[in-house]
Amino acid sequence: MATVNINGIDVKAREGMTVLDVAQSAGIYIPTLCYHPDLSTFGGCRVCMVEADGSAVTACRAPIKDGMVVRTDTERVNQMRRVNVELIMTNHDQDCQTCAKNNNCKLQEVCAFEGITPERMSRLRRVITNKEQDTSNPAFKRDFAKCITCGICVRTCEEINGVAAIDFAFRGYKTTISTIGNKPILESKCESCGECVERCPTGALVVKNQVVPEREVRTICSYCGVGCGLVLGVRGNRVVGVRGDRQNPVNQGHLCVKGRYGFGFINHPDRLKAPLVKKNGTLTETSWDEALTLISGKIKEFTDKHGPNSLAGLTSARCTNEDNYLFQKLFRFLGTNNIDHCARL
């Protein structure tokens, strides 16, 4: 263990922790933009600058040592941070009211903390960017005018999903986040898992047609038998959004494209809500009792006439493991091993 003095407060910490780790453990706020706890440190935004033993360092990458003295709120530190944030803001779309990340934006948070005001920004020459949005992906869009090239999406795609569909491209003022060949995201090897969208600190990556929920409900994803935890955003009687449940030990907040974006079927008007039976050539809604009676009668008719091997069962990956187990148990009881699963076909 080591003792670090942060703003006059002695904090016990483990060797190997960074200044940012120790400050956060003590409840001391240090602004960040390119840092995310799920990812490796980058140190590119320089917004987490602090003074450690009199030297200016990036808190997210500076390892602590016993007896270190850290100051996070000196005039020198705040001046460096303000300059860095102001330079970012000169190239950033400042229409916050219509941004999907309004009031949930790390850049807004840092600007408020560092006292970035219209008066200060008026001293600088803003660059008006007319960058086109990439709306090719059906689930989310990329707004380059709101990108701060923090690299969180790049590291997320490489370190969490292992796909590396995007990276930094070009140089200097023209540096941007790009796919291979600078093609639209839909034409890249992106798997649309949405992990980068979940972690983007600004409105550069947002879900299409996003609706703010009024409450959240924890549940389990029904798309396969893995059992990933979901947090559903609900508004009225509609599911309007999904995020991964970080408390679930199965997925720890990570989701695939189906779990994160495939919830449209829940409120779809064509969703089947009752069993259908063909009557006079037309599928008609009926009760479960009538449907089960019809099925059991057909099963008995076929087994009596052709034997149990005339039966075959096809189950679904959308069922739980327990449901699939019971389904195959039923068909074994009926005397057949002709059972298959849609995920194998």
Protein backbone atom coordinates (compact mmCIF):
# COMPACT_ATOMS: atom_id res chain seq x y z
CA MET A 1 0.00 0.00 0.00
CA ALA A 2 1.05 3.57 -0.65
CA THR A 3 -0.13 6.91 0.74
CA VAL A 4 -0.91 9.68 -1.73
CA ASN A 5 -1.79 13.22 -0.68
CA ILE A 6 -4.46 14.63 -3.01
CA ASN A 7 -5.49 18.23 -2.35
CA GLY A 8 -4.36 17.90 1.27
CA ILE A 9 -6.16 14.57 1.82
CA ASP A 10 -4.13 11.44 2.55
CA VAL A 11 -5.46 8.50 0.52
CA LYS A 12 -4.37 4.87 0.88
CA ALA A 13 -3.82 3.17 -2.47
CA ARG A 14 -2.35 0.02 -3.98
CA GLU A 15 0.90 0.17 -5.90
CA GLY A 16 0.22 0.20 -9.63
CA MET A 17 -2.87 2.41 -9.45
CA THR A 18 -2.93 5.64 -11.42
CA VAL A 19 -3.53 9.09 -10.00
CA LEU A 20 -7.00 9.05 -11.56
CA ASP A 21 -7.81 5.69 -9.94
CA VAL A 22 -6.83 6.98 -6.51
CA ALA A 23 -8.70 10.26 -6.92
CA GLN A 24 -11.89 8.48 -8.00
CA SER A 25 -11.63 6.04 -5.08
CA ALA A 26 -11.51 9.06 -2.75
CA GLY A 27 -14.46 10.77 -4.46
CA ILE A 28 -12.29 13.54 -5.93
CA TYR A 29 -13.44 14.61 -9.40
CA ILE A 30 -10.91 14.89 -12.22
CA PRO A 31 -12.44 15.69 -15.64
CA THR A 32 -11.83 13.17 -18.43
CA LEU A 33 -12.87 12.72 -22.05
CA CYS A 34 -10.79 9.91 -23.57
CA TYR A 35 -10.78 7.75 -20.41
CA HIS A 36 -13.18 4.85 -19.87
CA PRO A 37 -12.89 2.30 -17.03
CA ASP A 38 -13.50 -0.63 -19.40
CA LEU A 39 -10.58 0.28 -21.68
CA SER A 40 -6.83 0.80 -21.70
CA THR A 41 -5.68 4.34 -20.97
CA PHE A 42 -4.96 6.63 -23.88
CA GLY A 43 -4.01 10.03 -22.50
CA GLY A 44 -4.89 11.81 -25.72
CA CYS A 45 -7.34 14.50 -24.61
CA ARG A 46 -5.09 15.98 -21.90
CA VAL A 47 -8.19 17.04 -19.94
CA CYS A 48 -7.21 15.05 -16.85
CA MET A 49 -4.01 17.06 -16.29
CA VAL A 50 -2.92 17.40 -12.65
CA GLU A 51 0.20 18.43 -10.76
CA ALA A 52 2.05 15.48 -9.22
CA ASP A 53 5.07 16.45 -7.12
CA GLY A 54 5.11 19.75 -8.99
CA SER A 55 5.07 18.29 -12.51
CA ALA A 56 2.15 18.38 -14.92
CA VAL A 57 1.00 14.83 -15.77
CA THR A 58 -2.04 13.08 -17.20
CA ALA A 59 -3.85 11.53 -14.25
CA CYS A 60 -5.15 8.54 -16.25
CA ARG A 61 -1.63 7.31 -17.05
CA ALA A 62 0.55 8.57 -14.16
CA PRO A 63 1.32 5.75 -11.69
CA ILE A 64 1.25 6.67 -8.02
CA LYS A 65 4.11 6.26 -5.58
CA ASP A 66 4.28 6.43 -1.83
CA GLY A 67 4.38 9.99 -0.57
CA MET A 68 3.27 11.55 -3.86
CA VAL A 69 1.65 14.97 -3.55
CA VAL A 70 -1.09 15.67 -6.11
CA ARG A 71 -2.95 18.91 -6.79
CA THR A 72 -5.98 18.71 -9.07
CA ASP A 73 -7.33 22.26 -8.89
CA THR A 74 -4.49 24.73 -9.27
CA GLU A 75 -4.66 27.70 -11.65
CA ARG A 76 -1.91 26.15 -13.78
CA VAL A 77 -3.85 22.89 -14.13
CA ASN A 78 -7.16 24.59 -14.86
CA GLN A 79 -5.54 26.82 -17.48
CA MET A 80 -4.14 23.79 -19.34
CA ARG A 81 -7.49 22.03 -19.21
CA ARG A 82 -9.42 25.07 -20.38
CA VAL A 83 -7.15 25.57 -23.37
CA ASN A 84 -7.52 21.92 -24.39
CA VAL A 85 -11.31 21.98 -24.03
CA GLU A 86 -11.65 25.29 -25.86
CA LEU A 87 -9.65 23.93 -28.80
CA ILE A 88 -11.99 20.94 -28.92
CA MET A 89 -15.03 23.21 -28.78
CA THR A 90 -13.87 25.36 -31.70
CA ASN A 91 -14.31 22.32 -33.97
CA HIS A 92 -17.42 20.96 -32.27
CA ASP A 93 -21.09 21.35 -33.18
CA GLN A 94 -22.49 23.50 -30.35
CA ASP A 95 -26.18 22.87 -30.98
CA CYS A 96 -26.64 21.00 -27.72
CA GLN A 97 -30.40 21.42 -27.35
CA THR A 98 -31.20 19.10 -30.25
CA CYS A 99 -28.38 16.64 -29.55
CA ALA A 100 -29.38 13.16 -28.41
CA LYS A 101 -26.69 13.31 -25.71
CA ASN A 102 -27.88 16.63 -24.24
CA ASN A 103 -27.53 16.53 -20.43
CA ASN A 104 -25.74 13.19 -20.77
CA CYS A 105 -22.59 14.44 -22.51
CA LYS A 106 -19.10 14.24 -21.04
CA LEU A 107 -18.03 17.29 -23.04
CA GLN A 108 -20.87 19.33 -21.51
CA GLU A 109 -19.83 18.09 -18.07
CA VAL A 110 -16.19 19.06 -18.56
CA CYS A 111 -17.10 22.48 -20.03
CA ALA A 112 -19.28 23.24 -17.02
CA PHE A 113 -16.57 22.14 -14.57
CA GLU A 114 -13.85 24.17 -16.25
CA GLY A 115 -15.99 27.27 -16.71
CA ILE A 116 -16.06 27.39 -20.50
CA THR A 117 -18.32 30.38 -21.21
CA PRO A 118 -19.56 32.07 -24.41
CA GLU A 119 -17.35 35.03 -23.54
CA ARG A 120 -14.26 32.84 -23.50
CA MET A 121 -15.25 31.09 -26.72
CA SER A 122 -15.86 34.40 -28.49
CA ARG A 123 -12.12 35.04 -28.36
CA LEU A 124 -11.49 32.05 -30.60
CA ARG A 125 -12.19 31.56 -34.28
CA ARG A 126 -14.64 28.73 -34.65
CA VAL A 127 -14.41 26.33 -37.56
CA ILE A 128 -17.73 25.59 -39.22
CA THR A 129 -17.71 21.93 -40.20
CA ASN A 130 -20.04 20.64 -42.90
CA LYS A 131 -19.20 16.98 -42.45
CA GLU A 132 -21.84 14.57 -43.66
CA GLN A 133 -23.32 12.10 -41.22
CA ASP A 134 -22.92 8.37 -41.77
CA THR A 135 -26.46 7.02 -41.51
CA SER A 136 -25.83 3.76 -43.37
CA ASN A 137 -26.20 1.55 -40.29
CA PRO A 138 -29.88 0.81 -39.53
CA ALA A 139 -29.34 0.96 -35.77
CA PHE A 140 -27.13 4.01 -35.15
CA LYS A 141 -25.62 7.02 -36.89
CA ARG A 142 -22.20 8.68 -36.85
CA ASP A 143 -22.06 12.48 -36.64
CA PHE A 144 -18.50 13.56 -37.42
CA ALA A 145 -19.23 17.18 -36.45
CA LYS A 146 -19.61 16.02 -32.85
CA CYS A 147 -16.62 13.66 -32.78
CA ILE A 148 -13.74 14.73 -30.51
CA THR A 149 -11.38 11.91 -31.69
CA CYS A 150 -11.06 10.62 -28.13
CA GLY A 151 -10.46 7.09 -29.46
CA ILE A 152 -12.92 5.40 -27.10
CA CYS A 153 -14.79 3.83 -30.02
CA VAL A 154 -11.52 2.60 -31.57
CA ARG A 155 -10.34 0.95 -28.36
CA THR A 156 -13.80 -0.48 -27.67
CA CYS A 157 -13.97 -2.15 -31.08
CA GLU A 158 -10.49 -3.63 -30.69
CA GLU A 159 -10.33 -4.50 -26.98
CA ILE A 160 -13.90 -5.54 -26.19
CA ASN A 161 -15.35 -6.88 -29.44
CA GLY A 162 -12.04 -7.81 -31.09
CA VAL A 163 -13.20 -6.64 -34.53
CA ALA A 164 -11.15 -3.44 -35.05
CA ALA A 165 -13.53 -2.16 -37.71
CA ILE A 166 -12.45 1.47 -37.17
CA ASP A 167 -9.24 3.36 -36.44
CA PHE A 168 -7.66 6.80 -36.63
CA ALA A 169 -7.15 7.97 -40.21
CA PHE A 170 -5.43 10.88 -41.95
CA ARG A 171 -3.18 13.33 -40.10
CA GLY A 172 -3.12 16.61 -38.25
CA TYR A 173 -6.23 18.75 -38.51
CA LYS A 174 -7.86 16.17 -40.81
CA THR A 175 -7.54 13.30 -38.32
CA THR A 176 -10.80 11.40 -38.03
CA ILE A 177 -12.21 8.00 -37.07
CA SER A 178 -12.60 5.90 -40.18
CA THR A 179 -13.32 2.44 -41.50
CA ILE A 180 -10.90 0.73 -43.89
CA GLY A 181 -10.99 2.74 -47.11
CA ASN A 182 -13.15 5.38 -45.40
CA LYS A 183 -16.27 3.49 -46.47
CA PRO A 184 -19.68 3.82 -44.74
CA ILE A 185 -19.89 1.82 -41.53
CA LEU A 186 -22.41 -0.60 -43.06
CA GLU A 187 -19.85 -1.58 -45.70
CA SER A 188 -17.16 -2.27 -43.09
CA LYS A 189 -16.67 -5.33 -40.90
CA CYS A 190 -18.59 -3.65 -38.07
CA GLU A 191 -20.88 -6.16 -36.31
CA SER A 192 -23.29 -3.46 -35.06
CA CYS A 193 -22.91 -4.62 -31.46
CA GLY A 194 -23.28 -1.02 -30.30
CA GLU A 195 -20.52 -1.20 -27.68
CA CYS A 196 -18.89 1.92 -29.16
CA VAL A 197 -22.23 3.75 -29.15
CA GLU A 198 -22.71 2.85 -25.50
CA ARG A 199 -19.35 4.39 -24.54
CA CYS A 200 -19.17 7.43 -26.83
CA PRO A 201 -18.86 10.50 -24.57
CA THR A 202 -20.57 12.89 -27.03
CA GLY A 203 -23.29 12.80 -29.68
CA ALA A 204 -20.92 11.47 -32.34
CA LEU A 205 -22.44 7.98 -32.02
CA VAL A 206 -26.13 7.81 -31.16
CA VAL A 207 -29.00 5.38 -31.61
CA LYS A 208 -31.39 6.28 -34.41
CA ASN A 209 -34.83 7.52 -33.36
CA GLN A 210 -33.76 7.55 -29.73
CA VAL A 211 -36.55 8.00 -27.17
CA VAL A 212 -35.85 8.94 -23.55
CA PRO A 213 -37.36 6.29 -21.21
CA GLU A 214 -39.40 7.11 -18.14
CA ARG A 215 -38.27 4.04 -16.20
CA GLU A 216 -35.99 1.01 -16.48
CA VAL A 217 -36.66 -2.69 -15.98
CA ARG A 218 -34.05 -5.44 -15.55
CA THR A 219 -34.63 -8.70 -17.43
CA ILE A 220 -32.89 -11.49 -19.37
CA CYS A 221 -32.42 -11.46 -23.14
CA SER A 222 -34.65 -13.99 -24.92
CA TYR A 223 -32.75 -14.21 -28.23
CA CYS A 224 -30.64 -17.23 -27.20
CA GLY A 225 -29.83 -19.40 -24.23
CA VAL A 226 -26.74 -17.49 -23.03
CA GLY A 227 -28.78 -15.48 -20.53
CA CYS A 228 -27.37 -11.97 -20.97
CA GLY A 229 -28.77 -9.35 -18.62
CA LEU A 230 -30.70 -6.44 -20.11
CA VAL A 231 -31.87 -3.12 -18.74
CA LEU A 232 -34.95 -2.13 -20.72
CA GLY A 233 -35.86 1.52 -21.12
CA VAL A 234 -39.65 1.72 -20.92
CA ARG A 235 -41.98 4.58 -21.76
CA GLY A 236 -45.66 3.90 -21.23
CA ASN A 237 -46.20 0.33 -22.41
CA ARG A 238 -43.40 0.43 -25.00
CA VAL A 239 -39.79 -0.69 -24.81
CA VAL A 240 -37.84 2.24 -26.29
CA GLY A 241 -34.23 1.24 -25.58
CA VAL A 242 -31.91 -1.45 -24.26
CA ARG A 243 -28.55 -1.41 -22.51
CA GLY A 244 -26.49 -4.21 -21.04
CA ASP A 245 -26.78 -4.99 -17.34
CA ARG A 246 -23.28 -4.48 -15.93
CA GLN A 247 -24.30 -6.33 -12.74
CA ASN A 248 -25.14 -9.51 -14.65
CA PRO A 249 -22.29 -12.05 -14.28
CA VAL A 250 -22.98 -13.59 -17.71
CA ASN A 251 -22.39 -10.59 -19.97
CA GLN A 252 -21.21 -7.87 -17.54
CA GLY A 253 -22.94 -5.23 -19.65
CA HIS A 254 -21.84 -6.46 -23.09
CA LEU A 255 -24.46 -7.24 -25.75
CA CYS A 256 -24.65 -8.45 -29.34
CA VAL A 257 -26.58 -6.66 -32.07
CA LYS A 258 -29.74 -8.68 -31.43
CA GLY A 259 -29.81 -8.07 -27.70
CA ARG A 260 -29.15 -4.34 -28.01
CA TYR A 261 -31.19 -3.37 -31.06
CA GLY A 262 -33.56 -6.25 -31.81
CA PHE A 263 -36.43 -5.19 -29.57
CA GLY A 264 -38.75 -3.87 -32.27
CA PHE A 265 -40.77 -7.10 -32.31
CA ILE A 266 -42.06 -6.47 -28.77
CA ASN A 267 -44.54 -3.76 -29.78
CA HIS A 268 -44.80 -4.67 -33.46
CA PRO A 269 -48.43 -4.78 -34.67
CA ASP A 270 -47.79 -8.06 -36.55
CA ARG A 271 -46.50 -9.88 -33.48
CA LEU A 272 -48.37 -13.13 -32.76
CA LYS A 273 -50.05 -12.98 -29.36
CA ALA A 274 -52.28 -16.05 -29.62
CA PRO A 275 -52.09 -19.46 -31.33
CA LEU A 276 -53.42 -19.71 -34.89
CA VAL A 277 -55.43 -22.62 -36.29
CA LYS A 278 -56.29 -23.00 -39.98
CA LYS A 279 -60.04 -23.00 -40.48
CA ASN A 280 -61.48 -23.10 -44.00
CA GLY A 281 -58.03 -22.32 -45.36
CA THR A 282 -57.51 -19.26 -43.16
CA LEU A 283 -55.36 -18.94 -40.04
CA THR A 284 -57.62 -17.87 -37.19
CA GLU A 285 -56.79 -16.94 -33.59
CA THR A 286 -57.89 -19.54 -31.07
CA SER A 287 -57.43 -20.46 -27.42
CA TRP A 288 -54.46 -22.39 -26.09
CA ASP A 289 -56.78 -25.20 -24.98
CA GLU A 290 -58.13 -25.68 -28.50
CA ALA A 291 -54.65 -25.46 -30.06
CA LEU A 292 -53.14 -27.99 -27.64
CA THR A 293 -56.09 -30.35 -28.09
CA LEU A 294 -55.66 -30.20 -31.87
CA ILE A 295 -51.89 -30.82 -31.64
CA SER A 296 -52.20 -33.75 -29.23
CA GLY A 297 -54.88 -35.29 -31.45
CA LYS A 298 -52.67 -35.01 -34.54
CA ILE A 299 -49.70 -36.53 -32.68
CA LYS A 300 -51.79 -39.51 -31.56
CA GLU A 301 -53.19 -39.96 -35.07
CA PHE A 302 -49.74 -40.05 -36.69
CA THR A 303 -48.09 -42.28 -34.06
CA ASP A 304 -50.97 -44.78 -34.17
CA LYS A 305 -50.80 -44.95 -37.98
CA HIS A 306 -47.08 -44.57 -38.75
CA GLY A 307 -45.26 -45.08 -35.43
CA PRO A 308 -43.36 -42.55 -33.27
CA ASN A 309 -40.59 -42.06 -35.83
CA SER A 310 -43.11 -40.30 -38.08
CA LEU A 311 -42.83 -37.35 -35.69
CA ALA A 312 -40.17 -34.64 -35.72
CA GLY A 313 -39.76 -31.60 -33.49
CA LEU A 314 -38.06 -28.30 -34.30
CA THR A 315 -37.34 -25.97 -31.41
CA SER A 316 -36.05 -22.42 -31.33
CA ALA A 317 -32.98 -20.52 -30.15
CA ARG A 318 -35.42 -17.86 -28.93
CA CYS A 319 -36.56 -20.21 -26.16
CA THR A 320 -34.76 -20.55 -22.86
CA ASN A 321 -32.50 -23.52 -22.21
CA GLU A 322 -35.13 -24.86 -19.83
CA ASP A 323 -37.88 -24.66 -22.49
CA ASN A 324 -35.70 -26.44 -25.05
CA TYR A 325 -34.84 -29.14 -22.50
CA LEU A 326 -38.52 -29.80 -21.80
CA PHE A 327 -39.34 -29.87 -25.52
CA GLN A 328 -36.77 -32.56 -26.28
CA LYS A 329 -37.88 -34.43 -23.13
CA LEU A 330 -41.43 -34.51 -24.49
CA PHE A 331 -40.35 -35.96 -27.83
CA ARG A 332 -38.14 -38.59 -26.17
CA PHE A 333 -41.21 -39.58 -24.13
CA LEU A 334 -43.20 -39.87 -27.35
CA GLY A 335 -40.58 -42.33 -28.56
CA THR A 336 -38.63 -40.39 -31.17
CA ASN A 337 -35.16 -38.87 -31.43
CA ASN A 338 -36.13 -36.70 -34.42
CA ILE A 339 -35.46 -33.37 -32.72
CA ASP A 340 -33.60 -30.39 -34.20
CA HIS A 341 -32.91 -26.79 -33.39
CA CYS A 342 -33.16 -23.69 -35.62
CA ALA A 343 -29.72 -22.44 -34.56
CA ARG A 344 -28.06 -25.52 -36.08
CA LEU A 345 -29.80 -25.30 -39.46
